[in-house]
Protein backbone atom coordinates (compact mmCIF):
# COMPACT_ATOMS: atom_id res chain seq x y z
CA MET A 1 125.21 88.55 135.94
CA SER A 2 123.01 85.67 137.06
CA ALA A 3 124.29 82.14 136.59
CA ILE A 4 120.71 80.87 136.42
CA LEU A 5 119.62 83.27 133.68
CA GLU A 6 122.74 82.79 131.57
CA TYR A 7 122.54 79.05 131.97
CA GLN A 8 118.85 78.99 131.01
CA LYS A 9 119.68 80.89 127.80
CA THR A 10 122.32 78.26 127.04
CA VAL A 11 119.93 75.37 127.73
CA TYR A 12 117.25 76.98 125.56
CA ASN A 13 119.73 77.32 122.68
CA ALA A 14 120.86 73.70 123.10
CA LEU A 15 117.26 72.48 122.97
CA GLN A 16 116.50 74.65 119.92
CA ALA A 17 119.60 73.22 118.20
CA ASN A 18 118.20 69.67 118.46
CA SER A 19 116.31 69.43 115.17
CA GLY A 20 114.66 66.15 116.17
CA LEU A 21 113.24 67.76 119.30
CA VAL A 22 112.11 70.91 117.48
CA ALA A 23 110.37 68.76 114.84
CA GLN A 24 108.50 66.79 117.51
CA VAL A 25 107.21 69.62 119.72
CA GLN A 26 105.09 72.71 119.13
CA GLY A 27 107.27 74.92 121.32
CA ILE A 28 110.02 75.28 123.91
CA TYR A 29 108.91 77.76 126.56
CA ASP A 30 110.11 79.61 129.61
CA SER A 31 106.51 80.39 130.47
CA VAL A 32 103.83 78.34 128.75
CA PRO A 33 101.29 80.53 126.91
CA GLN A 34 97.61 79.93 127.70
CA ASN A 35 96.92 78.77 124.15
CA ALA A 36 99.92 76.41 123.95
CA VAL A 37 99.34 73.30 121.87
CA SER A 38 100.94 70.08 123.05
CA PRO A 39 103.39 68.52 122.76
CA TYR A 40 105.75 71.11 124.21
CA VAL A 41 108.70 71.52 126.52
CA TYR A 42 109.14 74.14 129.22
CA PHE A 43 111.45 75.19 132.02
CA GLY A 44 110.49 74.19 135.54
CA ASN A 45 112.07 74.99 138.88
CA VAL A 46 115.67 76.16 139.06
CA THR A 47 117.89 76.52 142.11
CA SER A 48 121.49 77.53 142.47
CA GLU A 49 124.01 77.46 145.27
CA THR A 50 127.67 78.13 145.66
CA ALA A 51 129.80 75.05 145.39
CA GLU A 52 133.00 76.49 146.75
CA ASN A 53 133.77 73.14 148.30
CA LEU A 54 134.59 72.16 144.70
CA ALA A 55 136.48 75.34 143.75
CA LYS A 56 136.32 79.10 144.22
CA ASN A 57 133.52 80.91 142.31
CA VAL A 58 131.77 77.67 141.37
CA VAL A 59 127.97 77.52 141.17
CA LYS A 60 125.82 74.39 141.18
CA ILE A 61 122.53 74.77 139.31
CA ASN A 62 119.72 72.24 139.70
CA PHE A 63 117.00 72.58 137.10
CA THR A 64 113.97 70.82 135.71
CA ILE A 65 112.77 70.54 132.13
CA LEU A 66 109.15 69.50 131.70
CA CYS A 67 107.63 67.83 128.65
CA VAL A 68 103.91 67.55 127.92
CA SER A 69 102.72 64.96 125.39
CA GLU A 70 99.72 65.29 123.11
CA THR A 71 98.49 61.72 123.24
CA LEU A 72 97.30 59.21 125.79
CA GLY A 73 100.31 57.01 126.40
CA LYS A 74 103.84 57.29 127.68
CA LEU A 75 105.66 56.63 124.40
CA GLN A 76 105.59 60.20 123.07
CA ALA A 77 106.48 61.62 126.48
CA ALA A 78 109.46 59.27 126.71
CA GLN A 79 110.60 60.07 123.15
CA ILE A 80 110.53 63.82 123.79
CA ALA A 81 112.30 63.38 127.13
CA GLU A 82 115.05 61.35 125.47
CA LYS A 83 115.70 64.16 122.98
CA VAL A 84 115.91 66.68 125.84
CA ARG A 85 118.27 64.41 127.79
CA ALA A 86 120.47 63.86 124.73
CA SER A 87 120.68 67.63 124.19
CA LEU A 88 121.95 68.35 127.70
CA HIS A 89 123.54 65.34 129.42
CA LEU A 90 127.33 65.74 129.35
CA ALA A 91 126.97 68.34 126.57
CA ASN A 92 129.74 70.82 125.88
CA LEU A 93 127.90 74.09 126.53
CA SER A 94 129.06 77.69 126.20
CA ILE A 95 127.68 80.09 128.83
CA THR A 96 128.20 83.85 128.66
CA GLY A 97 130.31 84.97 131.63
CA TYR A 98 130.89 81.44 132.92
CA THR A 99 132.91 78.34 132.22
CA HIS A 100 130.71 75.28 131.85
CA ILE A 101 132.17 72.42 133.85
CA ASN A 102 129.48 69.79 133.57
CA THR A 103 125.77 69.17 133.04
CA ARG A 104 124.37 65.81 133.91
CA PHE A 105 120.99 64.14 133.86
CA ILE A 106 119.87 63.11 137.35
CA ALA A 107 116.36 61.63 137.18
CA GLN A 108 113.15 61.39 135.17
CA GLU A 109 109.51 60.79 136.06
CA ILE A 110 106.59 60.28 133.65
CA SER A 111 103.08 60.73 135.00
CA LEU A 112 99.54 61.34 133.76
CA THR A 113 98.40 64.97 133.99
CA ASN A 114 95.28 66.02 135.87
CA ASN A 115 93.28 66.18 132.63
CA GLY A 116 93.71 62.40 132.20
CA ILE A 117 94.85 62.83 128.58
CA ASN A 118 98.37 64.20 128.45
CA TYR A 119 101.48 62.69 129.98
CA PHE A 120 103.93 64.89 131.78
CA THR A 121 107.64 64.12 131.96
CA GLU A 122 109.89 65.81 134.50
CA LEU A 123 113.63 65.66 133.84
CA ASN A 124 116.05 66.79 136.54
CA PHE A 125 119.55 67.99 135.76
CA GLU A 126 122.52 69.33 137.69
CA ALA A 127 125.03 71.74 136.19
CA ILE A 128 128.32 73.02 137.55
CA VAL A 129 129.59 76.36 136.24
CA SER A 130 132.40 78.65 137.26
CA GLU A 131 132.46 82.44 137.04
CA ILE A 132 135.08 83.73 134.60
């Protein structure tokens, strides 16, 4: 069982459960389809490492959620990012095969995309899980 894959399923479900987020975006994706319409949210880079300095069988997962706005301006990007953050930061999550210890928001960056129209928000999180 992969901590990353199980955790991503949990994060996806938490984002889908946020009705305000779902109402504001056109999709939440693992891999963005070519014909995706903005605004949308998708999974970025994910890394994991053992954190046995904390406890035996503990895994630290660093992951990125990316948000793409549909309009010129940072407001929509920031609003979507806040809904993502609220869904995950210090949330009580249930992960198949693992005990969720903590998920916390680390950092956020909003920037203009290469097309000069959409804004792109990168949210970085860190999660600590323990194998059951």
